[in-house]
Amino acid sequence: MMIIFGKEMCEFCDKAKEICRQYEIEFKYYSVDDRFDGINNMSKLKDKLIKENRMVKTVPVIWHHNKFIGGYNELMSYIENTSEYGQGGF
């Protein structure tokens, strides 16, 4: 399952969710600017980044099965190289 942290008015966050839907990849989306859960989601993201000693400056921030992928461009490369349309398979 993909874990995507993003913001509601983020074009690349929307694209990341859409590409997951298009390839029928299960995902959970956590909005870090959600009015109700944003603080908790941001805290989850920070904890995950600290635990893995990573620093990011933009969203989306994506993991697949606890493997750090990166942002939208890295997600596209990952899918192209691991899906049935690329060189491998999920």
N, C-alpha and C. Protein backbone atom coordinates (compact mmCIF):
# COMPACT_ATOMS: atom_id res chain seq x y z
N MET A 1 0.84 -1.18 0.00
CA MET A 1 0.00 0.00 0.00
C MET A 1 0.88 1.24 0.00
N MET A 2 0.48 2.22 -0.79
CA MET A 2 1.17 3.51 -0.82
C MET A 2 0.66 4.37 0.33
N ILE A 3 1.57 5.09 0.93
CA ILE A 3 1.22 6.10 1.93
C ILE A 3 1.64 7.43 1.32
N ILE A 4 0.69 8.35 1.20
CA ILE A 4 0.95 9.65 0.59
C ILE A 4 0.61 10.74 1.60
N PHE A 5 1.58 11.59 1.91
CA PHE A 5 1.35 12.78 2.71
C PHE A 5 1.34 13.95 1.74
N GLY A 6 0.33 14.82 1.86
CA GLY A 6 0.25 15.94 0.94
C GLY A 6 -0.62 17.06 1.48
N LYS A 7 -0.91 18.00 0.60
CA LYS A 7 -1.77 19.14 0.91
C LYS A 7 -2.95 19.13 -0.04
N GLU A 8 -4.03 19.71 0.42
CA GLU A 8 -5.28 19.67 -0.35
C GLU A 8 -5.22 20.45 -1.66
N MET A 9 -4.54 21.55 -1.73
CA MET A 9 -4.51 22.35 -2.95
C MET A 9 -3.18 22.16 -3.69
N CYS A 10 -2.69 20.93 -3.72
CA CYS A 10 -1.40 20.61 -4.32
C CYS A 10 -1.63 19.80 -5.59
N GLU A 11 -1.21 20.35 -6.71
CA GLU A 11 -1.40 19.68 -8.01
C GLU A 11 -0.69 18.33 -8.05
N PHE A 12 0.53 18.25 -7.54
CA PHE A 12 1.28 17.01 -7.60
C PHE A 12 0.76 15.97 -6.60
N CYS A 13 0.16 16.41 -5.52
CA CYS A 13 -0.49 15.48 -4.59
C CYS A 13 -1.70 14.86 -5.27
N ASP A 14 -2.47 15.69 -5.96
CA ASP A 14 -3.63 15.18 -6.71
C ASP A 14 -3.19 14.21 -7.81
N LYS A 15 -2.10 14.54 -8.49
CA LYS A 15 -1.59 13.65 -9.54
C LYS A 15 -1.12 12.32 -8.96
N ALA A 16 -0.48 12.36 -7.80
CA ALA A 16 -0.01 11.12 -7.15
C ALA A 16 -1.20 10.22 -6.81
N LYS A 17 -2.26 10.81 -6.27
CA LYS A 17 -3.45 10.03 -5.95
C LYS A 17 -4.09 9.47 -7.22
N GLU A 18 -4.14 10.28 -8.26
CA GLU A 18 -4.76 9.85 -9.51
C GLU A 18 -3.97 8.73 -10.16
N ILE A 19 -2.65 8.80 -10.15
CA ILE A 19 -1.85 7.75 -10.76
C ILE A 19 -2.01 6.44 -9.99
N CYS A 20 -2.17 6.52 -8.68
CA CYS A 20 -2.43 5.31 -7.89
C CYS A 20 -3.78 4.71 -8.28
N ARG A 21 -4.77 5.55 -8.45
CA ARG A 21 -6.09 5.06 -8.88
C ARG A 21 -5.99 4.43 -10.27
N GLN A 22 -5.28 5.10 -11.16
CA GLN A 22 -5.15 4.64 -12.54
C GLN A 22 -4.50 3.26 -12.60
N TYR A 23 -3.48 3.03 -11.79
CA TYR A 23 -2.78 1.74 -11.76
C TYR A 23 -3.38 0.78 -10.74
N GLU A 24 -4.49 1.19 -10.13
CA GLU A 24 -5.20 0.38 -9.13
C GLU A 24 -4.29 -0.02 -7.97
N ILE A 25 -3.51 0.95 -7.51
CA ILE A 25 -2.62 0.76 -6.36
C ILE A 25 -3.34 1.30 -5.13
N GLU A 26 -3.49 0.48 -4.12
CA GLU A 26 -4.11 0.94 -2.88
C GLU A 26 -3.24 2.01 -2.25
N PHE A 27 -3.90 3.05 -1.71
CA PHE A 27 -3.14 4.09 -1.04
C PHE A 27 -3.95 4.69 0.09
N LYS A 28 -3.22 5.23 1.05
CA LYS A 28 -3.81 6.04 2.11
C LYS A 28 -3.24 7.43 1.96
N TYR A 29 -4.10 8.41 2.02
CA TYR A 29 -3.69 9.80 1.86
C TYR A 29 -3.87 10.53 3.18
N TYR A 30 -2.82 11.24 3.58
CA TYR A 30 -2.85 12.03 4.81
C TYR A 30 -2.59 13.49 4.44
N SER A 31 -3.59 14.32 4.66
CA SER A 31 -3.45 15.74 4.37
C SER A 31 -2.81 16.44 5.57
N VAL A 32 -1.69 17.10 5.32
CA VAL A 32 -1.00 17.79 6.43
C VAL A 32 -1.58 19.17 6.67
N ASP A 33 -2.49 19.62 5.83
CA ASP A 33 -3.13 20.91 6.06
C ASP A 33 -4.64 20.80 6.29
N ASP A 34 -5.09 19.58 6.56
CA ASP A 34 -6.50 19.36 6.87
C ASP A 34 -6.87 20.12 8.14
N ARG A 35 -8.01 20.73 8.12
CA ARG A 35 -8.43 21.57 9.24
C ARG A 35 -8.64 20.78 10.53
N PHE A 36 -8.98 19.49 10.43
CA PHE A 36 -9.24 18.69 11.61
C PHE A 36 -8.07 17.77 11.97
N ASP A 37 -7.50 17.10 10.99
CA ASP A 37 -6.46 16.10 11.24
C ASP A 37 -5.07 16.53 10.81
N GLY A 38 -4.93 17.71 10.27
CA GLY A 38 -3.66 18.17 9.73
C GLY A 38 -2.51 18.15 10.71
N ILE A 39 -2.75 18.58 11.94
CA ILE A 39 -1.69 18.60 12.95
C ILE A 39 -1.22 17.19 13.26
N ASN A 40 -2.15 16.26 13.42
CA ASN A 40 -1.78 14.86 13.67
C ASN A 40 -1.05 14.25 12.47
N ASN A 41 -1.52 14.55 11.27
CA ASN A 41 -0.89 14.01 10.06
C ASN A 41 0.52 14.57 9.88
N MET A 42 0.69 15.86 10.18
CA MET A 42 2.02 16.47 10.09
C MET A 42 2.96 15.84 11.11
N SER A 43 2.43 15.55 12.28
CA SER A 43 3.23 14.91 13.32
C SER A 43 3.66 13.50 12.88
N LYS A 44 2.75 12.75 12.27
CA LYS A 44 3.08 11.42 11.74
C LYS A 44 4.18 11.52 10.69
N LEU A 45 4.05 12.49 9.80
CA LEU A 45 5.04 12.67 8.75
C LEU A 45 6.40 13.01 9.35
N LYS A 46 6.44 13.95 10.29
CA LYS A 46 7.70 14.35 10.92
C LYS A 46 8.34 13.17 11.63
N ASP A 47 7.55 12.40 12.36
CA ASP A 47 8.08 11.23 13.07
C ASP A 47 8.68 10.22 12.09
N LYS A 48 8.00 9.99 10.99
CA LYS A 48 8.47 9.03 9.98
C LYS A 48 9.78 9.52 9.35
N LEU A 49 9.85 10.81 9.05
CA LEU A 49 11.05 11.37 8.45
C LEU A 49 12.23 11.35 9.42
N ILE A 50 11.98 11.67 10.67
CA ILE A 50 13.04 11.65 11.68
C ILE A 50 13.55 10.23 11.88
N LYS A 51 12.62 9.27 11.96
CA LYS A 51 13.00 7.87 12.15
C LYS A 51 13.91 7.38 11.03
N GLU A 52 13.66 7.83 9.80
CA GLU A 52 14.44 7.41 8.64
C GLU A 52 15.56 8.38 8.30
N ASN A 53 15.73 9.41 9.13
CA ASN A 53 16.77 10.41 8.93
C ASN A 53 16.68 11.04 7.53
N ARG A 54 15.48 11.48 7.18
CA ARG A 54 15.22 12.10 5.87
C ARG A 54 14.76 13.53 6.07
N MET A 55 15.01 14.34 5.05
CA MET A 55 14.54 15.72 5.05
C MET A 55 13.85 15.97 3.72
N VAL A 56 12.67 16.53 3.77
CA VAL A 56 11.95 16.89 2.54
C VAL A 56 11.50 18.34 2.65
N LYS A 57 11.32 18.97 1.50
CA LYS A 57 10.90 20.37 1.48
C LYS A 57 9.55 20.56 0.80
N THR A 58 9.10 19.53 0.07
CA THR A 58 7.85 19.65 -0.67
C THR A 58 6.98 18.41 -0.47
N VAL A 59 5.74 18.54 -0.84
CA VAL A 59 4.81 17.41 -0.86
C VAL A 59 4.45 17.14 -2.31
N PRO A 60 4.04 15.95 -2.63
CA PRO A 60 3.76 14.82 -1.76
C PRO A 60 5.04 14.13 -1.29
N VAL A 61 4.88 13.39 -0.19
CA VAL A 61 5.93 12.53 0.34
C VAL A 61 5.32 11.13 0.37
N ILE A 62 5.99 10.18 -0.30
CA ILE A 62 5.36 8.90 -0.58
C ILE A 62 6.22 7.72 -0.14
N TRP A 63 5.56 6.73 0.45
CA TRP A 63 6.17 5.45 0.80
C TRP A 63 5.35 4.33 0.17
N HIS A 64 6.01 3.23 -0.17
CA HIS A 64 5.32 2.03 -0.64
C HIS A 64 5.84 0.86 0.17
N HIS A 65 4.95 0.21 0.92
CA HIS A 65 5.34 -0.89 1.82
C HIS A 65 6.53 -0.49 2.69
N ASN A 66 6.44 0.67 3.31
CA ASN A 66 7.47 1.21 4.20
C ASN A 66 8.79 1.51 3.50
N LYS A 67 8.82 1.53 2.18
CA LYS A 67 10.01 1.93 1.43
C LYS A 67 9.79 3.36 0.95
N PHE A 68 10.71 4.24 1.30
CA PHE A 68 10.60 5.64 0.90
C PHE A 68 10.74 5.75 -0.61
N ILE A 69 9.76 6.40 -1.25
CA ILE A 69 9.78 6.60 -2.70
C ILE A 69 10.26 8.00 -3.02
N GLY A 70 9.69 9.01 -2.36
CA GLY A 70 10.03 10.41 -2.62
C GLY A 70 8.78 11.18 -2.96
N GLY A 71 8.84 11.98 -4.03
CA GLY A 71 7.72 12.78 -4.45
C GLY A 71 7.05 12.22 -5.69
N TYR A 72 6.31 13.06 -6.39
CA TYR A 72 5.55 12.61 -7.56
C TYR A 72 6.45 12.06 -8.67
N ASN A 73 7.52 12.77 -9.01
CA ASN A 73 8.39 12.31 -10.10
C ASN A 73 9.02 10.96 -9.77
N GLU A 74 9.43 10.77 -8.52
CA GLU A 74 10.00 9.50 -8.10
C GLU A 74 8.94 8.40 -8.13
N LEU A 75 7.70 8.76 -7.79
CA LEU A 75 6.60 7.79 -7.86
C LEU A 75 6.42 7.31 -9.30
N MET A 76 6.45 8.24 -10.24
CA MET A 76 6.28 7.87 -11.65
C MET A 76 7.40 6.93 -12.09
N SER A 77 8.62 7.23 -11.74
CA SER A 77 9.75 6.35 -12.09
C SER A 77 9.60 4.99 -11.43
N TYR A 78 9.19 4.99 -10.18
CA TYR A 78 9.01 3.75 -9.43
C TYR A 78 7.96 2.87 -10.10
N ILE A 79 6.84 3.46 -10.48
CA ILE A 79 5.77 2.70 -11.13
C ILE A 79 6.23 2.20 -12.49
N GLU A 80 6.89 3.04 -13.26
CA GLU A 80 7.35 2.63 -14.60
C GLU A 80 8.34 1.48 -14.51
N ASN A 81 9.11 1.41 -13.44
CA ASN A 81 10.13 0.38 -13.30
C ASN A 81 9.65 -0.85 -12.53
N THR A 82 8.44 -0.80 -11.95
CA THR A 82 8.00 -1.92 -11.13
C THR A 82 6.60 -2.43 -11.46
N SER A 83 5.87 -1.76 -12.31
CA SER A 83 4.50 -2.21 -12.61
C SER A 83 4.48 -3.14 -13.81
N GLU A 84 3.34 -3.74 -14.07
CA GLU A 84 3.23 -4.61 -15.24
C GLU A 84 3.46 -3.84 -16.54
N TYR A 85 3.39 -2.51 -16.49
CA TYR A 85 3.65 -1.70 -17.68
C TYR A 85 5.12 -1.35 -17.82
N GLY A 86 5.88 -1.67 -16.78
CA GLY A 86 7.31 -1.38 -16.81
C GLY A 86 8.11 -2.66 -16.83
N GLN A 87 9.18 -2.70 -16.03
CA GLN A 87 10.10 -3.82 -16.07
C GLN A 87 9.84 -4.89 -15.01
N GLY A 88 9.01 -4.57 -14.03
CA GLY A 88 8.79 -5.53 -12.96
C GLY A 88 7.33 -5.71 -12.66
N GLY A 89 7.00 -6.04 -11.45
CA GLY A 89 5.61 -6.21 -11.05
C GLY A 89 5.43 -5.92 -9.58
N PHE A 90 4.25 -5.47 -9.23
CA PHE A 90 3.96 -5.16 -7.81
C PHE A 90 3.71 -6.44 -7.06
